[in-house]
Amino acid sequence: TDPDAIARLRTAISQGRACWCELLNYRKDGTPFWNLMRLSPIYDSDGLLTHYVGILSDITKRKQRELDNRQLRDELAHLARVNTLNELTGALAHEINQPLTAILCNAQAAERFLRSTQPDLEQLREILGDIVADDKRAGDIIKRLGWLLKKEASHFAVLDINQAIRDVLTLVRSDALIKHLRIIPTLAPDLPAVVGDRVQLQQVLLNLLTNAGQAMSDVNRSLIEITARQNEAHMIEVAVRDQGTGLSAKHSQDVFKPFFSTKAKGLGLGLSINRTIIESHGGRLWAENNPDYGATFRFTLPVAAALETMPPHAAAS
């Protein structure tokens, strides 16, 4: 059984309050089963706590369905990530080739310096510093790609949403330059942390930014804005705003449906999976047309502190 669940039960009992938690148990043959335990305090006529009443419910089938759904969601999410990155192949190759070309040029320059009779050591140090910086830049890009392409189960952890956005902006930078797009981030400083799967949240961001660029492929506008803030409901809210043609009245309710796509070669999975991912993080994803041009896609995430007070399955459902 999860030690945290036991700790929550003990804390609630010591404080004389109701609580509930999900408990993993094992039968004699070693097979697992799940119980939902609800504890309620009972008071006498004088308001004194006399005892607790506990109710156990078998939730094994529900937990198995949740596991099956999570595995299916992870499979589809990986497929969508690969599809999105495939659309960025040329730009990503350019993004990696830039530092590699710089490394080659600087290495050749350093070689020439070393062949000279009196090499300028200070300039040589600068060249070597540039080589190290470019190597790190290329390595960082490859590392981020590796994270997105890796096929593994969801892993929730405390993370900085602003840093997740910056990492994705690094991946789309060359694609934006090639397509003459300007991406302007406005990220509120010192945002509270969220709890989530970093790869899945970056997948959502990458897909929304890619879609925003594609929405402006046939118009003479180029600005994409991405913002992150804490809204009035104390949720983290991220918005991606484009200046494209906007959502048609005919398709505005269909964009989040599985296999719906306005692109000739689109899988129609991106936005549907995005919504599933965000909802699995306790948030929501929606879209709206802008007053002037284009559309804005927004999603919310609960802050990490808020999740600590939620029931275990409510925070992850």
Protein backbone atom coordinates (compact mmCIF):
# COMPACT_ATOMS: atom_id res chain seq x y z
CA THR A 1 0.00 0.00 0.00
CA ASP A 2 1.14 3.51 -0.81
CA PRO A 3 2.87 4.95 2.32
CA ASP A 4 1.49 8.39 1.43
CA ALA A 5 -2.07 7.03 1.56
CA ILE A 6 -1.46 5.52 4.99
CA ALA A 7 0.09 8.80 6.16
CA ARG A 8 -2.99 10.72 4.97
CA LEU A 9 -5.26 8.33 6.88
CA ARG A 10 -3.25 8.68 10.07
CA THR A 11 -3.15 12.47 9.79
CA ALA A 12 -6.92 12.65 9.25
CA ILE A 13 -7.59 10.38 12.25
CA SER A 14 -5.26 12.40 14.48
CA GLN A 15 -7.12 15.56 13.44
CA GLY A 16 -10.57 14.03 13.87
CA ARG A 17 -11.74 14.62 10.32
CA ALA A 18 -13.21 12.56 7.49
CA CYS A 19 -10.95 11.25 4.76
CA TRP A 20 -10.74 8.77 1.97
CA CYS A 21 -7.99 7.18 -0.06
CA GLU A 22 -7.26 4.38 -2.50
CA LEU A 23 -5.36 1.39 -1.12
CA LEU A 24 -3.44 -1.22 -3.10
CA ASN A 25 -3.54 -4.67 -1.49
CA TYR A 26 -2.40 -8.17 -2.45
CA ARG A 27 -4.17 -11.49 -2.18
CA LYS A 28 -2.41 -14.60 -0.83
CA ASP A 29 -1.55 -15.67 -4.38
CA GLY A 30 0.14 -12.30 -5.00
CA THR A 31 -2.47 -10.77 -7.31
CA PRO A 32 -3.18 -7.09 -6.62
CA PHE A 33 -6.55 -5.55 -5.86
CA TRP A 34 -7.66 -2.01 -5.04
CA ASN A 35 -9.96 -0.70 -2.32
CA LEU A 36 -11.45 2.72 -1.83
CA MET A 37 -11.58 3.45 1.90
CA ARG A 38 -13.87 6.14 3.32
CA LEU A 39 -13.54 7.07 6.98
CA SER A 40 -16.10 9.25 8.77
CA PRO A 41 -15.85 10.43 12.39
CA ILE A 42 -18.83 9.77 14.69
CA TYR A 43 -19.59 12.15 17.54
CA ASP A 44 -21.78 11.72 20.63
CA SER A 45 -24.43 14.17 21.83
CA ASP A 46 -21.76 16.21 23.61
CA GLY A 47 -19.79 16.66 20.40
CA LEU A 48 -17.02 14.29 21.46
CA LEU A 49 -15.45 11.97 18.91
CA THR A 50 -16.28 8.39 19.88
CA HIS A 51 -15.24 6.29 16.91
CA TYR A 52 -14.88 6.10 13.14
CA VAL A 53 -16.99 4.30 10.58
CA GLY A 54 -15.10 2.94 7.62
CA ILE A 55 -16.46 1.77 4.27
CA LEU A 56 -14.37 -0.31 1.87
CA SER A 57 -15.28 -0.55 -1.82
CA ASP A 58 -13.56 -2.75 -4.39
CA ILE A 59 -12.38 -0.50 -7.24
CA THR A 60 -10.06 -3.01 -8.95
CA LYS A 61 -11.99 -2.96 -12.25
CA ARG A 62 -12.01 0.84 -12.33
CA LYS A 63 -8.26 1.00 -11.66
CA GLN A 64 -7.62 -1.52 -14.45
CA ARG A 65 -9.71 0.56 -16.86
CA GLU A 66 -7.73 3.63 -15.84
CA LEU A 67 -4.47 1.76 -16.49
CA ASP A 68 -5.68 0.53 -19.90
CA ASN A 69 -6.84 4.03 -20.85
CA ARG A 70 -3.56 5.55 -19.70
CA GLN A 71 -1.54 3.06 -21.76
CA LEU A 72 -3.70 3.76 -24.82
CA ARG A 73 -3.34 7.50 -24.28
CA ASP A 74 0.44 7.14 -24.01
CA GLU A 75 0.55 5.15 -27.26
CA LEU A 76 -1.54 7.74 -29.13
CA ALA A 77 0.43 10.60 -27.60
CA HIS A 78 3.69 9.06 -28.83
CA LEU A 79 2.22 8.62 -32.32
CA ALA A 80 1.13 12.27 -32.36
CA ARG A 81 4.57 13.43 -31.16
CA VAL A 82 6.32 11.53 -33.91
CA ASN A 83 3.88 12.94 -36.48
CA THR A 84 4.42 16.52 -35.28
CA LEU A 85 8.21 16.18 -35.25
CA ASN A 86 8.07 14.63 -38.72
CA GLU A 87 6.52 17.88 -39.96
CA LEU A 88 9.49 19.78 -38.49
CA THR A 89 12.22 17.47 -39.82
CA GLY A 90 13.77 19.99 -42.22
CA ALA A 91 13.80 22.81 -39.69
CA LEU A 92 15.21 20.59 -36.94
CA ALA A 93 17.98 19.39 -39.26
CA HIS A 94 18.81 23.05 -39.93
CA GLU A 95 18.74 23.80 -36.19
CA ILE A 96 21.28 21.04 -35.52
CA ASN A 97 23.43 21.77 -38.59
CA GLN A 98 23.98 25.39 -37.56
CA PRO A 99 26.05 24.66 -34.43
CA LEU A 100 27.77 21.73 -36.15
CA THR A 101 28.86 24.00 -39.02
CA ALA A 102 30.06 26.59 -36.52
CA ILE A 103 32.05 23.92 -34.66
CA LEU A 104 33.74 22.87 -37.92
CA CYS A 105 34.61 26.46 -38.87
CA ASN A 106 35.97 27.25 -35.42
CA ALA A 107 37.98 24.03 -35.29
CA GLN A 108 39.56 24.87 -38.66
CA ALA A 109 40.32 28.39 -37.44
CA ALA A 110 41.92 27.02 -34.27
CA GLU A 111 44.03 24.68 -36.38
CA ARG A 112 45.30 27.65 -38.43
CA PHE A 113 46.11 29.58 -35.25
CA LEU A 114 48.13 26.68 -33.91
CA ARG A 115 50.16 26.50 -37.14
CA SER A 116 51.15 30.15 -36.86
CA THR A 117 54.53 31.09 -35.37
CA GLN A 118 53.01 33.16 -32.54
CA PRO A 119 49.40 32.07 -31.96
CA ASP A 120 47.15 34.49 -30.11
CA LEU A 121 46.24 32.37 -27.08
CA GLU A 122 43.44 34.69 -25.96
CA GLN A 123 41.72 34.47 -29.34
CA LEU A 124 42.31 30.74 -29.36
CA ARG A 125 40.58 30.48 -25.97
CA GLU A 126 37.60 32.39 -27.39
CA ILE A 127 37.39 30.01 -30.35
CA LEU A 128 37.50 26.97 -28.07
CA GLY A 129 34.80 28.56 -25.89
CA ASP A 130 32.60 29.01 -28.98
CA ILE A 131 33.14 25.35 -29.89
CA VAL A 132 32.05 24.24 -26.42
CA ALA A 133 28.97 26.52 -26.55
CA ASP A 134 27.93 25.26 -30.00
CA ASP A 135 28.46 21.66 -28.94
CA LYS A 136 26.20 22.26 -25.92
CA ARG A 137 23.58 23.89 -28.15
CA ALA A 138 23.50 20.92 -30.53
CA GLY A 139 23.47 18.50 -27.61
CA ASP A 140 20.56 20.30 -25.97
CA ILE A 141 18.50 20.10 -29.16
CA ILE A 142 19.21 16.39 -29.57
CA LYS A 143 18.40 15.79 -25.89
CA ARG A 144 15.03 17.56 -26.21
CA LEU A 145 14.23 15.59 -29.34
CA GLY A 146 15.13 12.40 -27.50
CA TRP A 147 12.69 13.27 -24.72
CA LEU A 148 9.86 13.81 -27.20
CA LEU A 149 10.58 10.72 -29.28
CA LYS A 150 11.05 8.39 -26.33
CA LYS A 151 8.21 5.93 -25.85
CA GLU A 152 7.54 5.45 -22.16
CA ALA A 153 4.79 5.55 -19.56
CA SER A 154 3.58 8.86 -18.16
CA HIS A 155 5.73 10.31 -15.41
CA PHE A 156 4.27 13.13 -13.33
CA ALA A 157 6.62 15.46 -11.47
CA VAL A 158 6.77 19.05 -10.29
CA LEU A 159 7.88 21.29 -13.17
CA ASP A 160 8.25 24.90 -14.29
CA ILE A 161 5.79 25.61 -17.12
CA ASN A 162 7.83 28.61 -18.30
CA GLN A 163 10.91 26.42 -18.77
CA ALA A 164 8.82 23.84 -20.63
CA ILE A 165 7.68 26.61 -22.99
CA ARG A 166 11.25 27.86 -23.51
CA ASP A 167 12.43 24.33 -24.37
CA VAL A 168 9.73 23.99 -27.04
CA LEU A 169 10.51 27.44 -28.47
CA THR A 170 14.07 26.21 -29.02
CA LEU A 171 12.74 23.34 -31.13
CA VAL A 172 10.47 25.50 -33.32
CA ARG A 173 12.90 28.41 -33.75
CA SER A 174 14.32 27.34 -37.11
CA ASP A 175 10.93 26.32 -38.49
CA ALA A 176 9.63 29.78 -37.58
CA LEU A 177 12.57 31.48 -39.32
CA ILE A 178 12.11 29.40 -42.47
CA LYS A 179 8.40 30.30 -42.57
CA HIS A 180 9.05 33.96 -41.64
CA LEU A 181 7.04 33.67 -38.44
CA ARG A 182 7.57 35.72 -35.29
CA ILE A 183 6.86 33.96 -32.01
CA ILE A 184 6.61 36.35 -29.07
CA PRO A 185 6.53 34.78 -25.59
CA THR A 186 5.07 36.69 -22.65
CA LEU A 187 5.70 34.56 -19.60
CA ALA A 188 4.73 35.86 -16.19
CA PRO A 189 7.70 35.58 -13.82
CA ASP A 190 7.69 33.40 -10.70
CA LEU A 191 4.68 31.31 -11.70
CA PRO A 192 3.80 28.53 -9.24
CA ALA A 193 4.99 25.08 -10.27
CA VAL A 194 2.62 22.54 -11.81
CA VAL A 195 2.62 18.76 -11.55
CA GLY A 196 2.70 17.03 -14.89
CA ASP A 197 4.41 14.88 -17.45
CA ARG A 198 7.00 17.20 -19.00
CA VAL A 199 7.09 15.36 -22.34
CA GLN A 200 3.31 15.33 -22.73
CA LEU A 201 2.93 19.01 -21.84
CA GLN A 202 5.71 19.94 -24.27
CA GLN A 203 3.93 17.83 -26.88
CA VAL A 204 0.79 19.94 -26.39
CA LEU A 205 2.81 23.17 -26.68
CA LEU A 206 4.67 21.94 -29.76
CA ASN A 207 1.45 20.91 -31.49
CA LEU A 208 -0.33 24.19 -30.71
CA LEU A 209 2.61 26.27 -31.97
CA THR A 210 2.91 24.14 -35.13
CA ASN A 211 -0.82 24.46 -35.79
CA ALA A 212 -0.62 28.23 -35.27
CA GLY A 213 2.09 28.48 -37.92
CA GLN A 214 0.12 26.34 -40.35
CA ALA A 215 -2.98 28.49 -39.78
CA MET A 216 -1.09 31.48 -41.22
CA SER A 217 0.37 29.73 -44.27
CA ASP A 218 -2.16 31.40 -46.61
CA VAL A 219 -2.32 34.88 -45.06
CA ASN A 220 0.05 37.83 -45.09
CA ARG A 221 0.50 37.87 -41.31
CA SER A 222 3.23 36.30 -39.23
CA LEU A 223 2.76 36.87 -35.49
CA ILE A 224 2.25 34.08 -32.96
CA GLU A 225 1.94 34.98 -29.30
CA ILE A 226 2.33 32.53 -26.44
CA THR A 227 1.52 33.64 -22.92
CA ALA A 228 1.62 32.02 -19.49
CA ARG A 229 0.01 33.48 -16.40
CA GLN A 230 -1.95 32.61 -13.28
CA ASN A 231 -5.60 33.39 -13.90
CA GLU A 232 -8.37 34.53 -11.57
CA ALA A 233 -9.15 30.92 -10.62
CA HIS A 234 -5.50 30.52 -9.49
CA MET A 235 -4.85 28.09 -12.35
CA ILE A 236 -1.86 28.34 -14.65
CA GLU A 237 -3.23 29.43 -18.04
CA VAL A 238 -1.23 29.10 -21.26
CA ALA A 239 -2.50 30.64 -24.50
CA VAL A 240 -1.25 30.35 -28.09
CA ARG A 241 -2.67 33.10 -30.31
CA ASP A 242 -2.26 33.18 -34.09
CA GLN A 243 -3.28 35.63 -36.82
CA GLY A 244 -4.62 33.08 -39.26
CA THR A 245 -8.08 32.64 -40.72
CA GLY A 246 -9.65 31.56 -37.43
CA LEU A 247 -12.06 28.72 -36.76
CA SER A 248 -14.93 28.38 -39.19
CA ALA A 249 -18.42 28.19 -37.72
CA LYS A 250 -18.80 24.83 -39.45
CA HIS A 251 -15.75 23.25 -37.81
CA SER A 252 -15.39 25.13 -34.52
CA GLN A 253 -16.98 22.28 -32.55
CA ASP A 254 -15.16 19.53 -34.46
CA VAL A 255 -11.49 20.48 -34.04
CA PHE A 256 -11.10 18.44 -30.85
CA LYS A 257 -12.79 15.31 -32.21
CA PRO A 258 -10.54 12.30 -32.93
CA PHE A 259 -9.50 11.94 -36.58
CA PHE A 260 -10.93 15.32 -37.59
CA SER A 261 -8.47 17.31 -39.70
CA THR A 262 -8.64 20.14 -42.22
CA LYS A 263 -5.18 19.14 -43.51
CA ALA A 264 -5.02 16.81 -46.50
CA LYS A 265 -2.41 14.55 -44.85
CA GLY A 266 -3.31 15.19 -41.22
CA LEU A 267 -3.98 12.32 -38.82
CA GLY A 268 -6.58 14.34 -36.95
CA LEU A 269 -5.15 13.22 -33.61
CA GLY A 270 -3.22 16.27 -32.42
CA LEU A 271 -5.90 18.43 -30.80
CA SER A 272 -7.90 15.44 -29.57
CA ILE A 273 -4.84 14.04 -27.79
CA ASN A 274 -3.94 17.52 -26.55
CA ARG A 275 -7.29 17.80 -24.81
CA THR A 276 -6.98 14.31 -23.34
CA ILE A 277 -3.51 15.12 -22.00
CA ILE A 278 -4.59 18.41 -20.44
CA GLU A 279 -7.68 16.86 -18.86
CA SER A 280 -5.53 14.05 -17.42
CA HIS A 281 -3.51 16.82 -15.75
CA GLY A 282 -6.63 18.27 -14.11
CA GLY A 283 -7.01 21.16 -16.55
CA ARG A 284 -8.99 21.97 -19.67
CA LEU A 285 -8.24 23.00 -23.25
CA TRP A 286 -10.45 25.14 -25.46
CA ALA A 287 -10.32 27.44 -28.49
CA GLU A 288 -11.90 30.74 -29.44
CA ASN A 289 -11.73 33.14 -32.36
CA ASN A 290 -9.94 36.43 -31.82
CA PRO A 291 -11.81 39.73 -32.30
CA ASP A 292 -9.52 40.68 -35.20
CA TYR A 293 -7.61 37.80 -36.80
CA GLY A 294 -7.08 34.15 -36.10
CA ALA A 295 -7.78 32.03 -33.07
CA THR A 296 -6.44 31.43 -29.59
CA PHE A 297 -6.03 28.01 -28.00
CA ARG A 298 -5.89 28.07 -24.21
CA PHE A 299 -5.28 25.44 -21.59
CA THR A 300 -5.20 25.53 -17.82
CA LEU A 301 -3.30 23.48 -15.26
CA PRO A 302 -3.75 23.38 -11.48
CA VAL A 303 -0.76 24.54 -9.47
CA ALA A 304 1.18 21.89 -7.56
CA ALA A 305 0.02 23.15 -4.15
CA ALA A 306 -3.64 22.77 -5.15
CA LEU A 307 -3.13 19.15 -6.19
CA GLU A 308 -1.85 18.25 -2.71
CA THR A 309 -5.35 18.83 -1.30
CA MET A 310 -7.19 16.82 -3.97
CA PRO A 311 -8.16 13.12 -3.66
CA PRO A 312 -5.58 10.91 -5.41
CA HIS A 313 -7.71 9.82 -8.36
CA ALA A 314 -9.34 13.23 -8.77
CA ALA A 315 -5.97 14.84 -9.43
CA ALA A 316 -5.12 12.31 -12.12
CA SER A 317 -8.49 11.60 -13.74
